Structures are given as structure tokens and as C-alpha cells.
All heavy atoms as atom14 arrays in JSON, in Angstrom:
{
  "sequence": "KDIVKAVSQAVDVPVTVKIRSGFSDDQINAP",
  "atom14_mask": [
    [1, 1, 1, 1, 1, 1, 1, 1, 1, 0, 0, 0, 0, 0],
    [1, 1, 1, 1, 1, 1, 1, 1, 0, 0, 0, 0, 0, 0],
    [1, 1, 1, 1, 1, 1, 1, 1, 0, 0, 0, 0, 0, 0],
    [1, 1, 1, 1, 1, 1, 1, 0, 0, 0, 0, 0, 0, 0],
    [1, 1, 1, 1, 1, 1, 1, 1, 1, 0, 0, 0, 0, 0],
    [1, 1, 1, 1, 1, 0, 0, 0, 0, 0, 0, 0, 0, 0],
    [1, 1, 1, 1, 1, 1, 1, 0, 0, 0, 0, 0, 0, 0],
    [1, 1, 1, 1, 1, 1, 0, 0, 0, 0, 0, 0, 0, 0],
    [1, 1, 1, 1, 1, 1, 1, 1, 1, 0, 0, 0, 0, 0],
    [1, 1, 1, 1, 1, 0, 0, 0, 0, 0, 0, 0, 0, 0],
    [1, 1, 1, 1, 1, 1, 1, 0, 0, 0, 0, 0, 0, 0],
    [1, 1, 1, 1, 1, 1, 1, 1, 0, 0, 0, 0, 0, 0],
    [1, 1, 1, 1, 1, 1, 1, 0, 0, 0, 0, 0, 0, 0],
    [1, 1, 1, 1, 1, 1, 1, 0, 0, 0, 0, 0, 0, 0],
    [1, 1, 1, 1, 1, 1, 1, 0, 0, 0, 0, 0, 0, 0],
    [1, 1, 1, 1, 1, 1, 1, 0, 0, 0, 0, 0, 0, 0],
    [1, 1, 1, 1, 1, 1, 1, 0, 0, 0, 0, 0, 0, 0],
    [1, 1, 1, 1, 1, 1, 1, 1, 1, 0, 0, 0, 0, 0],
    [1, 1, 1, 1, 1, 1, 1, 1, 0, 0, 0, 0, 0, 0],
    [1, 1, 1, 1, 1, 1, 1, 1, 1, 1, 1, 0, 0, 0],
    [1, 1, 1, 1, 1, 1, 0, 0, 0, 0, 0, 0, 0, 0],
    [1, 1, 1, 1, 0, 0, 0, 0, 0, 0, 0, 0, 0, 0],
    [1, 1, 1, 1, 1, 1, 1, 1, 1, 1, 1, 0, 0, 0],
    [1, 1, 1, 1, 1, 1, 0, 0, 0, 0, 0, 0, 0, 0],
    [1, 1, 1, 1, 1, 1, 1, 1, 0, 0, 0, 0, 0, 0],
    [1, 1, 1, 1, 1, 1, 1, 1, 0, 0, 0, 0, 0, 0],
    [1, 1, 1, 1, 1, 1, 1, 1, 1, 0, 0, 0, 0, 0],
    [1, 1, 1, 1, 1, 1, 1, 1, 0, 0, 0, 0, 0, 0],
    [1, 1, 1, 1, 1, 1, 1, 1, 0, 0, 0, 0, 0, 0],
    [1, 1, 1, 1, 1, 0, 0, 0, 0, 0, 0, 0, 0, 0],
    [1, 1, 1, 1, 1, 1, 1, 0, 0, 0, 0, 0, 0, 0]
  ],
  "atom14_positions": [
    [[-23.89, 12.69, 48.14], [-23.11, 11.67, 48.41], [-23.62, 10.22, 47.87], [-22.98, 9.49, 47.2], [-22.85, 11.53, 49.89], [-21.84, 10.32, 50.24], [-21.68, 10.27, 51.76], [-20.81, 9.11, 52.15], [-20.49, 8.94, 53.68], [0.0, 0.0, 0.0], [0.0, 0.0, 0.0], [0.0, 0.0, 0.0], [0.0, 0.0, 0.0], [0.0, 0.0, 0.0]],
    [[-25.01, 10.14, 48.06], [-25.65, 9.01, 47.67], [-25.57, 8.81, 46.03], [-25.35, 7.78, 45.43], [-27.12, 8.94, 48.01], [-27.22, 8.73, 49.48], [-26.18, 8.27, 50.08], [-28.47, 8.96, 49.99], [0.0, 0.0, 0.0], [0.0, 0.0, 0.0], [0.0, 0.0, 0.0], [0.0, 0.0, 0.0], [0.0, 0.0, 0.0], [0.0, 0.0, 0.0]],
    [[-25.83, 9.96, 45.4], [-25.9, 9.98, 43.87], [-24.57, 9.68, 43.44], [-24.27, 8.93, 42.51], [-26.33, 11.41, 43.41], [-27.82, 11.61, 43.66], [-25.98, 11.53, 41.82], [-28.42, 12.94, 43.4], [0.0, 0.0, 0.0], [0.0, 0.0, 0.0], [0.0, 0.0, 0.0], [0.0, 0.0, 0.0], [0.0, 0.0, 0.0], [0.0, 0.0, 0.0]],
    [[-23.49, 10.38, 43.87], [-22.15, 10.12, 43.42], [-21.55, 8.71, 43.61], [-21.03, 8.07, 42.78], [-21.16, 11.19, 44.02], [-19.67, 10.88, 43.6], [-21.5, 12.56, 43.78], [0.0, 0.0, 0.0], [0.0, 0.0, 0.0], [0.0, 0.0, 0.0], [0.0, 0.0, 0.0], [0.0, 0.0, 0.0], [0.0, 0.0, 0.0], [0.0, 0.0, 0.0]],
    [[-22.02, 8.28, 44.89], [-21.62, 6.83, 45.07], [-22.27, 5.86, 44.15], [-21.72, 4.84, 43.74], [-22.07, 6.4, 46.57], [-21.57, 5.15, 47.13], [-21.94, 4.95, 48.56], [-21.43, 3.49, 48.96], [-21.84, 3.33, 50.49], [0.0, 0.0, 0.0], [0.0, 0.0, 0.0], [0.0, 0.0, 0.0], [0.0, 0.0, 0.0], [0.0, 0.0, 0.0]],
    [[-23.52, 6.09, 43.9], [-24.36, 5.09, 43.12], [-23.66, 5.17, 41.61], [-23.52, 4.07, 41.06], [-25.72, 5.42, 42.98], [0.0, 0.0, 0.0], [0.0, 0.0, 0.0], [0.0, 0.0, 0.0], [0.0, 0.0, 0.0], [0.0, 0.0, 0.0], [0.0, 0.0, 0.0], [0.0, 0.0, 0.0], [0.0, 0.0, 0.0], [0.0, 0.0, 0.0]],
    [[-23.45, 6.41, 41.17], [-22.79, 6.38, 39.78], [-21.41, 5.94, 39.81], [-21.06, 5.28, 38.89], [-22.87, 7.94, 39.25], [-22.16, 8.09, 37.95], [-24.35, 8.42, 39.21], [0.0, 0.0, 0.0], [0.0, 0.0, 0.0], [0.0, 0.0, 0.0], [0.0, 0.0, 0.0], [0.0, 0.0, 0.0], [0.0, 0.0, 0.0], [0.0, 0.0, 0.0]],
    [[-20.63, 6.2, 40.77], [-19.29, 5.82, 40.78], [-19.19, 4.16, 40.89], [-18.32, 3.66, 40.25], [-18.48, 6.32, 42.0], [-18.45, 7.7, 42.04], [0.0, 0.0, 0.0], [0.0, 0.0, 0.0], [0.0, 0.0, 0.0], [0.0, 0.0, 0.0], [0.0, 0.0, 0.0], [0.0, 0.0, 0.0], [0.0, 0.0, 0.0], [0.0, 0.0, 0.0]],
    [[-20.04, 3.6, 41.47], [-20.03, 2.08, 41.57], [-20.68, 1.58, 40.34], [-20.41, 0.39, 40.15], [-20.89, 1.74, 42.83], [-20.3, 2.07, 44.13], [-21.08, 1.61, 45.45], [-22.29, 1.3, 45.24], [-20.42, 1.59, 46.64], [0.0, 0.0, 0.0], [0.0, 0.0, 0.0], [0.0, 0.0, 0.0], [0.0, 0.0, 0.0], [0.0, 0.0, 0.0]],
    [[-21.36, 2.38, 39.52], [-21.97, 1.71, 38.38], [-21.15, 1.74, 37.02], [-21.35, 1.07, 36.11], [-23.41, 2.4, 38.02], [0.0, 0.0, 0.0], [0.0, 0.0, 0.0], [0.0, 0.0, 0.0], [0.0, 0.0, 0.0], [0.0, 0.0, 0.0], [0.0, 0.0, 0.0], [0.0, 0.0, 0.0], [0.0, 0.0, 0.0], [0.0, 0.0, 0.0]],
    [[-20.1, 2.68, 37.05], [-19.2, 2.82, 36.01], [-17.7, 2.53, 36.28], [-17.41, 2.48, 37.5], [-19.35, 4.27, 35.42], [-20.83, 4.62, 34.92], [-18.89, 5.32, 36.46], [0.0, 0.0, 0.0], [0.0, 0.0, 0.0], [0.0, 0.0, 0.0], [0.0, 0.0, 0.0], [0.0, 0.0, 0.0], [0.0, 0.0, 0.0], [0.0, 0.0, 0.0]],
    [[-17.0, 2.31, 35.16], [-15.62, 2.12, 35.38], [-14.65, 3.09, 34.76], [-13.52, 3.04, 34.48], [-15.22, 0.7, 34.65], [-15.48, 0.73, 33.09], [-16.04, 1.81, 32.58], [-15.33, -0.36, 32.54], [0.0, 0.0, 0.0], [0.0, 0.0, 0.0], [0.0, 0.0, 0.0], [0.0, 0.0, 0.0], [0.0, 0.0, 0.0], [0.0, 0.0, 0.0]],
    [[-15.22, 4.34, 34.87], [-14.54, 5.61, 34.47], [-14.64, 6.54, 35.65], [-15.52, 6.43, 36.53], [-15.0, 6.23, 33.14], [-14.71, 5.22, 32.01], [-16.42, 6.61, 33.29], [0.0, 0.0, 0.0], [0.0, 0.0, 0.0], [0.0, 0.0, 0.0], [0.0, 0.0, 0.0], [0.0, 0.0, 0.0], [0.0, 0.0, 0.0], [0.0, 0.0, 0.0]],
    [[-13.81, 7.64, 35.74], [-13.93, 8.52, 36.68], [-15.24, 9.27, 36.68], [-15.83, 9.56, 35.66], [-12.66, 9.62, 36.52], [-11.74, 8.86, 35.63], [-12.57, 7.84, 34.85], [0.0, 0.0, 0.0], [0.0, 0.0, 0.0], [0.0, 0.0, 0.0], [0.0, 0.0, 0.0], [0.0, 0.0, 0.0], [0.0, 0.0, 0.0], [0.0, 0.0, 0.0]],
    [[-15.7, 9.61, 37.92], [-16.86, 10.44, 38.07], [-16.53, 11.8, 38.6], [-15.85, 11.99, 39.61], [-17.95, 9.78, 38.93], [-19.17, 10.71, 39.17], [-18.4, 8.49, 38.17], [0.0, 0.0, 0.0], [0.0, 0.0, 0.0], [0.0, 0.0, 0.0], [0.0, 0.0, 0.0], [0.0, 0.0, 0.0], [0.0, 0.0, 0.0], [0.0, 0.0, 0.0]],
    [[-16.9, 12.94, 37.96], [-16.8, 14.29, 38.45], [-18.03, 14.91, 38.77], [-19.02, 14.5, 38.31], [-15.88, 15.08, 37.38], [-16.76, 15.11, 36.24], [-14.56, 14.47, 37.13], [0.0, 0.0, 0.0], [0.0, 0.0, 0.0], [0.0, 0.0, 0.0], [0.0, 0.0, 0.0], [0.0, 0.0, 0.0], [0.0, 0.0, 0.0], [0.0, 0.0, 0.0]],
    [[-18.0, 15.97, 39.48], [-19.2, 16.69, 39.91], [-19.04, 18.21, 39.67], [-17.91, 18.77, 39.93], [-19.55, 16.5, 41.4], [-20.74, 17.21, 41.77], [-19.49, 15.04, 41.72], [0.0, 0.0, 0.0], [0.0, 0.0, 0.0], [0.0, 0.0, 0.0], [0.0, 0.0, 0.0], [0.0, 0.0, 0.0], [0.0, 0.0, 0.0], [0.0, 0.0, 0.0]],
    [[-19.96, 18.78, 39.03], [-20.01, 20.28, 38.77], [-20.96, 20.97, 39.87], [-22.08, 20.65, 39.89], [-20.48, 20.58, 37.46], [-20.48, 22.02, 37.12], [-19.21, 22.7, 36.67], [-19.34, 24.23, 36.5], [-20.16, 24.58, 35.32], [0.0, 0.0, 0.0], [0.0, 0.0, 0.0], [0.0, 0.0, 0.0], [0.0, 0.0, 0.0], [0.0, 0.0, 0.0]],
    [[-20.43, 21.95, 40.68], [-21.29, 22.48, 41.74], [-21.06, 23.93, 41.6], [-20.27, 24.55, 40.93], [-20.84, 21.99, 43.18], [-19.4, 22.48, 43.42], [-20.9, 20.48, 43.22], [-19.01, 22.2, 44.95], [0.0, 0.0, 0.0], [0.0, 0.0, 0.0], [0.0, 0.0, 0.0], [0.0, 0.0, 0.0], [0.0, 0.0, 0.0], [0.0, 0.0, 0.0]],
    [[-21.88, 24.63, 42.4], [-21.74, 26.2, 42.69], [-21.18, 26.47, 44.04], [-21.03, 25.58, 44.85], [-23.08, 26.72, 42.23], [-23.4, 26.95, 40.91], [-24.68, 27.69, 40.54], [-24.76, 28.0, 39.21], [-24.68, 29.14, 38.61], [-24.66, 30.3, 39.41], [-24.78, 29.27, 37.28], [0.0, 0.0, 0.0], [0.0, 0.0, 0.0], [0.0, 0.0, 0.0]],
    [[-21.0, 27.73, 44.25], [-20.52, 28.13, 45.65], [-21.57, 27.72, 46.69], [-21.2, 27.27, 47.87], [-20.43, 29.65, 45.67], [-19.39, 30.13, 44.82], [0.0, 0.0, 0.0], [0.0, 0.0, 0.0], [0.0, 0.0, 0.0], [0.0, 0.0, 0.0], [0.0, 0.0, 0.0], [0.0, 0.0, 0.0], [0.0, 0.0, 0.0], [0.0, 0.0, 0.0]],
    [[-22.81, 27.84, 46.28], [-23.99, 27.37, 47.28], [-25.35, 27.79, 46.59], [-25.21, 28.28, 45.33], [0.0, 0.0, 0.0], [0.0, 0.0, 0.0], [0.0, 0.0, 0.0], [0.0, 0.0, 0.0], [0.0, 0.0, 0.0], [0.0, 0.0, 0.0], [0.0, 0.0, 0.0], [0.0, 0.0, 0.0], [0.0, 0.0, 0.0], [0.0, 0.0, 0.0]],
    [[-26.33, 27.65, 47.31], [-27.61, 27.96, 46.69], [-27.93, 29.6, 46.78], [-28.36, 30.08, 45.81], [-28.76, 27.31, 47.43], [-30.03, 27.23, 46.6], [-30.22, 26.23, 45.64], [-31.02, 28.22, 46.79], [-31.4, 26.45, 44.79], [-32.18, 28.17, 46.15], [-32.4, 27.3, 45.02], [0.0, 0.0, 0.0], [0.0, 0.0, 0.0], [0.0, 0.0, 0.0]],
    [[-27.6, 30.03, 47.8], [-27.77, 31.66, 47.93], [-26.55, 32.23, 48.79], [-25.66, 31.41, 49.38], [-29.09, 31.9, 48.6], [-29.22, 31.36, 49.93], [0.0, 0.0, 0.0], [0.0, 0.0, 0.0], [0.0, 0.0, 0.0], [0.0, 0.0, 0.0], [0.0, 0.0, 0.0], [0.0, 0.0, 0.0], [0.0, 0.0, 0.0], [0.0, 0.0, 0.0]],
    [[-26.58, 33.39, 49.0], [-25.44, 34.17, 49.84], [-25.45, 33.61, 51.24], [-24.45, 33.7, 51.8], [-25.75, 35.63, 49.71], [-25.3, 36.29, 48.36], [-24.69, 35.57, 47.55], [-25.76, 37.43, 48.15], [0.0, 0.0, 0.0], [0.0, 0.0, 0.0], [0.0, 0.0, 0.0], [0.0, 0.0, 0.0], [0.0, 0.0, 0.0], [0.0, 0.0, 0.0]],
    [[-26.43, 33.2, 51.63], [-26.65, 32.79, 53.13], [-26.48, 31.31, 53.18], [-26.63, 30.63, 54.29], [-27.8, 33.26, 53.91], [-29.18, 32.8, 53.16], [-29.13, 32.3, 52.2], [-30.14, 33.12, 53.88], [0.0, 0.0, 0.0], [0.0, 0.0, 0.0], [0.0, 0.0, 0.0], [0.0, 0.0, 0.0], [0.0, 0.0, 0.0], [0.0, 0.0, 0.0]],
    [[-26.12, 30.59, 52.1], [-26.02, 29.11, 52.09], [-24.77, 28.79, 51.27], [-24.89, 27.92, 50.29], [-27.27, 28.44, 51.44], [-28.46, 28.64, 52.16], [-29.65, 28.03, 51.43], [-30.05, 28.61, 50.46], [-30.44, 27.11, 52.08], [0.0, 0.0, 0.0], [0.0, 0.0, 0.0], [0.0, 0.0, 0.0], [0.0, 0.0, 0.0], [0.0, 0.0, 0.0]],
    [[-23.62, 29.34, 51.6], [-22.34, 29.08, 50.85], [-21.77, 27.67, 51.48], [-21.13, 27.78, 52.47], [-21.41, 30.2, 51.04], [-21.99, 31.61, 50.52], [-19.96, 29.91, 50.2], [-22.25, 31.51, 49.13], [0.0, 0.0, 0.0], [0.0, 0.0, 0.0], [0.0, 0.0, 0.0], [0.0, 0.0, 0.0], [0.0, 0.0, 0.0], [0.0, 0.0, 0.0]],
    [[-22.01, 26.67, 50.73], [-21.66, 25.42, 51.42], [-20.85, 24.55, 50.41], [-20.94, 23.24, 50.45], [-22.89, 24.7, 51.85], [-23.79, 24.27, 50.76], [-23.81, 24.87, 49.64], [-24.71, 23.26, 50.95], [0.0, 0.0, 0.0], [0.0, 0.0, 0.0], [0.0, 0.0, 0.0], [0.0, 0.0, 0.0], [0.0, 0.0, 0.0], [0.0, 0.0, 0.0]],
    [[-20.27, 25.07, 49.34], [-19.48, 24.26, 48.39], [-18.44, 23.23, 49.06], [-18.27, 22.19, 48.62], [-18.69, 25.28, 47.35], [0.0, 0.0, 0.0], [0.0, 0.0, 0.0], [0.0, 0.0, 0.0], [0.0, 0.0, 0.0], [0.0, 0.0, 0.0], [0.0, 0.0, 0.0], [0.0, 0.0, 0.0], [0.0, 0.0, 0.0], [0.0, 0.0, 0.0]],
    [[-17.79, 23.8, 50.12], [-16.68, 22.81, 50.72], [-17.53, 21.61, 51.22], [-17.0, 20.51, 51.03], [-16.15, 23.51, 51.89], [-16.16, 25.08, 51.36], [-17.59, 25.18, 50.68], [0.0, 0.0, 0.0], [0.0, 0.0, 0.0], [0.0, 0.0, 0.0], [0.0, 0.0, 0.0], [0.0, 0.0, 0.0], [0.0, 0.0, 0.0], [0.0, 0.0, 0.0]]
  ]
}
């Protein structure tokens, strides 16, 4: 959240994020 907020406030174009399902099978936290 902090990274996206900092970048979003620094630029005047849309900011998107590329993520994975999670780090491992027991850490599925993409939502």
C-alpha cells in the first residue's frame, strides 16, 4: 500500500500492479 500510494502521488498517469496468487500454497493472499 505504501509503495503504490507513493508512486501514485508522484506521477500523473495511472499506476498498475502485477502480483501473483501468493508467495506459496499456504500463503494465497492475492485478494
